[in-house]
C-alpha atoms as a PDB file:
ATOM      1  CA  MET A   1       5.174  25.589  16.636  1.00  0.00           C
ATOM      2  CA  SER A   2       5.287  23.092  13.621  1.00  0.00           C
ATOM      3  CA  SER A   3       3.837  24.131  10.288  1.00  0.00           C
ATOM      4  CA  VAL A   4       3.223  20.445   9.473  1.00  0.00           C
ATOM      5  CA  ALA A   5      -0.471  19.652   9.104  1.00  0.00           C
ATOM      6  CA  ASP A   6      -2.109  16.226   9.461  1.00  0.00           C
ATOM      7  CA  VAL A   7      -4.019  15.245   6.242  1.00  0.00           C
ATOM      8  CA  THR A   8      -6.641  12.390   5.996  1.00  0.00           C
ATOM      9  CA  ASP A   9      -7.789  10.307   2.904  1.00  0.00           C
ATOM     10  CA  SER A  10     -10.994  12.345   2.490  1.00  0.00           C
ATOM     11  CA  GLN A  11      -8.650  15.555   2.414  1.00  0.00           C
ATOM     12  CA  TRP A  12      -6.100  14.134   0.005  1.00  0.00           C
ATOM     13  CA  ASP A  13      -7.440  15.774  -3.091  1.00  0.00           C
ATOM     14  CA  THR A  14      -8.149  19.030  -1.846  1.00  0.00           C
ATOM     15  CA  VAL A  15      -4.974  19.460   0.400  1.00  0.00           C
ATOM     16  CA  VAL A  16      -2.494  17.634  -1.699  1.00  0.00           C
ATOM     17  CA  LEU A  17      -3.400  17.082  -5.371  1.00  0.00           C
ATOM     18  CA  GLN A  18      -4.830  20.517  -5.615  1.00  0.00           C
ATOM     19  CA  SER A  19      -2.163  22.483  -3.905  1.00  0.00           C
ATOM     20  CA  ASP A  20      -0.412  25.233  -5.674  1.00  0.00           C
ATOM     21  CA  LEU A  21       2.633  24.526  -3.773  1.00  0.00           C
ATOM     22  CA  PRO A  22       4.757  21.026  -3.974  1.00  0.00           C
ATOM     23  CA  VAL A  23       3.523  18.776  -1.147  1.00  0.00           C
ATOM     24  CA  LEU A  24       5.940  16.792   0.836  1.00  0.00           C
ATOM     25  CA  VAL A  25       3.846  13.861   2.438  1.00  0.00           C
ATOM     26  CA  ASP A  26       5.277  12.040   5.582  1.00  0.00           C
ATOM     27  CA  PHE A  27       3.399   8.626   5.806  1.00  0.00           C
ATOM     28  CA  TRP A  28       3.814   7.506   9.328  1.00  0.00           C
ATOM     29  CA  ALA A  29       2.214   5.797  12.424  1.00  0.00           C
ATOM     30  CA  GLU A  30       2.338   6.176  16.237  1.00  0.00           C
ATOM     31  CA  TRP A  31       3.927   2.959  16.739  1.00  0.00           C
ATOM     32  CA  CYS A  32       6.743   3.480  14.194  1.00  0.00           C
ATOM     33  CA  GLY A  33      10.036   4.293  15.860  1.00  0.00           C
ATOM     34  CA  PRO A  34      11.893   5.559  12.838  1.00  0.00           C
ATOM     35  CA  CYS A  35       8.862   7.765  12.020  1.00  0.00           C
ATOM     36  CA  ARG A  36       9.027   9.420  15.427  1.00  0.00           C
ATOM     37  CA  ALA A  37      12.878   9.791  15.120  1.00  0.00           C
ATOM     38  CA  MET A  38      12.207  11.545  11.680  1.00  0.00           C
ATOM     39  CA  ALA A  39       9.475  13.903  13.112  1.00  0.00           C
ATOM     40  CA  PRO A  40      11.666  16.666  14.333  1.00  0.00           C
ATOM     41  CA  LEU A  41      13.424  16.667  10.943  1.00  0.00           C
ATOM     42  CA  VAL A  42      10.408  16.971   9.172  1.00  0.00           C
ATOM     43  CA  ASP A  43       9.192  19.767  11.330  1.00  0.00           C
ATOM     44  CA  LYS A  44      12.686  21.594  10.836  1.00  0.00           C
ATOM     45  CA  LEU A  45      12.426  21.277   7.057  1.00  0.00           C
ATOM     46  CA  ALA A  46       8.825  22.474   7.009  1.00  0.00           C
ATOM     47  CA  ASP A  47       9.901  25.593   8.734  1.00  0.00           C
ATOM     48  CA  GLU A  48      13.057  26.006   6.448  1.00  0.00           C
ATOM     49  CA  LEU A  49      11.208  25.454   3.183  1.00  0.00           C
ATOM     50  CA  LYS A  50       8.117  27.435   4.258  1.00  0.00           C
ATOM     51  CA  GLY A  51       6.524  29.051   1.303  1.00  0.00           C
ATOM     52  CA  LYS A  52       8.453  26.655  -1.139  1.00  0.00           C
ATOM     53  CA  VAL A  53       6.950  23.544  -0.019  1.00  0.00           C
ATOM     54  CA  ARG A  54       3.806  22.534   2.065  1.00  0.00           C
ATOM     55  CA  VAL A  55       4.508  19.581   4.469  1.00  0.00           C
ATOM     56  CA  VAL A  56       1.776  17.268   5.688  1.00  0.00           C
ATOM     57  CA  LYS A  57       1.701  14.046   7.617  1.00  0.00           C
ATOM     58  CA  LEU A  58      -0.833  11.032   6.950  1.00  0.00           C
ATOM     59  CA  ASN A  59      -1.240   8.499   9.705  1.00  0.00           C
ATOM     60  CA  THR A  60      -1.183   5.264   7.948  1.00  0.00           C
ATOM     61  CA  SER A  61      -3.026   3.407  10.824  1.00  0.00           C
ATOM     62  CA  ASP A  62      -6.048   5.873  10.673  1.00  0.00           C
ATOM     63  CA  ASN A  63      -5.881   6.370   6.900  1.00  0.00           C
ATOM     64  CA  THR A  64      -5.423   3.351   4.563  1.00  0.00           C
ATOM     65  CA  GLU A  65      -6.837   4.621   1.308  1.00  0.00           C
ATOM     66  CA  VAL A  66      -4.141   6.718   0.044  1.00  0.00           C
ATOM     67  CA  PRO A  67      -1.251   4.655   1.265  1.00  0.00           C
ATOM     68  CA  ALA A  68      -2.694   1.843  -0.763  1.00  0.00           C
ATOM     69  CA  LYS A  69      -3.296   3.792  -3.872  1.00  0.00           C
ATOM     70  CA  TYR A  70       0.455   4.876  -3.635  1.00  0.00           C
ATOM     71  CA  GLY A  71       1.911   1.529  -2.842  1.00  0.00           C
ATOM     72  CA  ILE A  72       3.293   2.331   0.550  1.00  0.00           C
ATOM     73  CA  THR A  73       4.360  -0.721   2.106  1.00  0.00           C
ATOM     74  CA  ALA A  74       7.047   0.695   4.499  1.00  0.00           C
ATOM     75  CA  ILE A  75       7.201   3.641   6.802  1.00  0.00           C
ATOM     76  CA  PRO A  76       8.537   6.348   7.229  1.00  0.00           C
ATOM     77  CA  THR A  77       7.752   7.087   3.376  1.00  0.00           C
ATOM     78  CA  PHE A  78       8.047  10.527   1.920  1.00  0.00           C
ATOM     79  CA  LEU A  79       6.341  11.461  -1.195  1.00  0.00           C
ATOM     80  CA  LEU A  80       6.891  14.926  -3.032  1.00  0.00           C
ATOM     81  CA  ILE A  81       3.824  15.765  -5.043  1.00  0.00           C
ATOM     82  CA  LYS A  82       3.852  18.567  -7.664  1.00  0.00           C
ATOM     83  CA  GLN A  83       0.889  19.735  -9.601  1.00  0.00           C
ATOM     84  CA  GLY A  84      -0.857  16.517  -8.429  1.00  0.00           C
ATOM     85  CA  LYS A  85       2.047  14.005  -9.755  1.00  0.00           C
ATOM     86  CA  GLN A  86       4.388  12.087  -7.501  1.00  0.00           C
ATOM     87  CA  VAL A  87       7.876  13.406  -8.308  1.00  0.00           C
ATOM     88  CA  LYS A  88      10.073  11.935  -5.579  1.00  0.00           C
ATOM     89  CA  SER A  89       9.664   8.853  -3.018  1.00  0.00           C
ATOM     90  CA  MET A  90      12.136   8.337  -0.054  1.00  0.00           C
ATOM     91  CA  VAL A  91      11.715   5.326   2.364  1.00  0.00           C
ATOM     92  CA  GLY A  92      13.355   5.309   5.890  1.00  0.00           C
ATOM     93  CA  SER A  93      15.199   7.361   8.197  1.00  0.00           C
ATOM     94  CA  GLN A  94      18.013   9.662   6.900  1.00  0.00           C
ATOM     95  CA  SER A  95      20.166  12.584   8.054  1.00  0.00           C
ATOM     96  CA  TYR A  96      18.685  15.786   7.900  1.00  0.00           C
ATOM     97  CA  ALA A  97      21.370  17.050   5.263  1.00  0.00           C
ATOM     98  CA  ALA A  98      20.232  14.032   2.965  1.00  0.00           C
ATOM     99  CA  PHE A  99      16.571  14.565   3.548  1.00  0.00           C
ATOM    100  CA  LYS A 100      16.755  18.436   2.723  1.00  0.00           C
ATOM    101  CA  ALA A 101      19.016  17.531  -0.166  1.00  0.00           C
ATOM    102  CA  ASN A 102      16.428  15.265  -1.614  1.00  0.00           C
ATOM    103  CA  VAL A 103      13.489  17.471  -1.131  1.00  0.00           C
ATOM    104  CA  GLU A 104      15.294  20.566  -2.502  1.00  0.00           C
ATOM    105  CA  GLY A 105      16.513  18.460  -5.521  1.00  0.00           C
ATOM    106  CA  ALA A 106      13.217  17.571  -6.399  1.00  0.00           C
ATOM    107  CA  LEU A 107      11.590  21.067  -6.149  1.00  0.00           C
END
């Protein structure tokens, strides 16, 4: 079972900005092929980095406020938020090794 939770615009402040742990946010949509391709990698990373980073997904089709606020214009986009501040942004598909290295490097 995945440790990746869904987050909505209305939950953003509580779940992401006020989190004690850094939060990796996967901005995705059901119709996005590269988003679906990255989903197993996101799940794997969430499991491997459990306790170090919280991983959540935000569906950009159902939630438009947060993506607009952060200027998300392409998906998948991954933001790493630490102490309420964006510290890393990654856009598009990538290998698992590169994805994990990018996240760990920003922790």
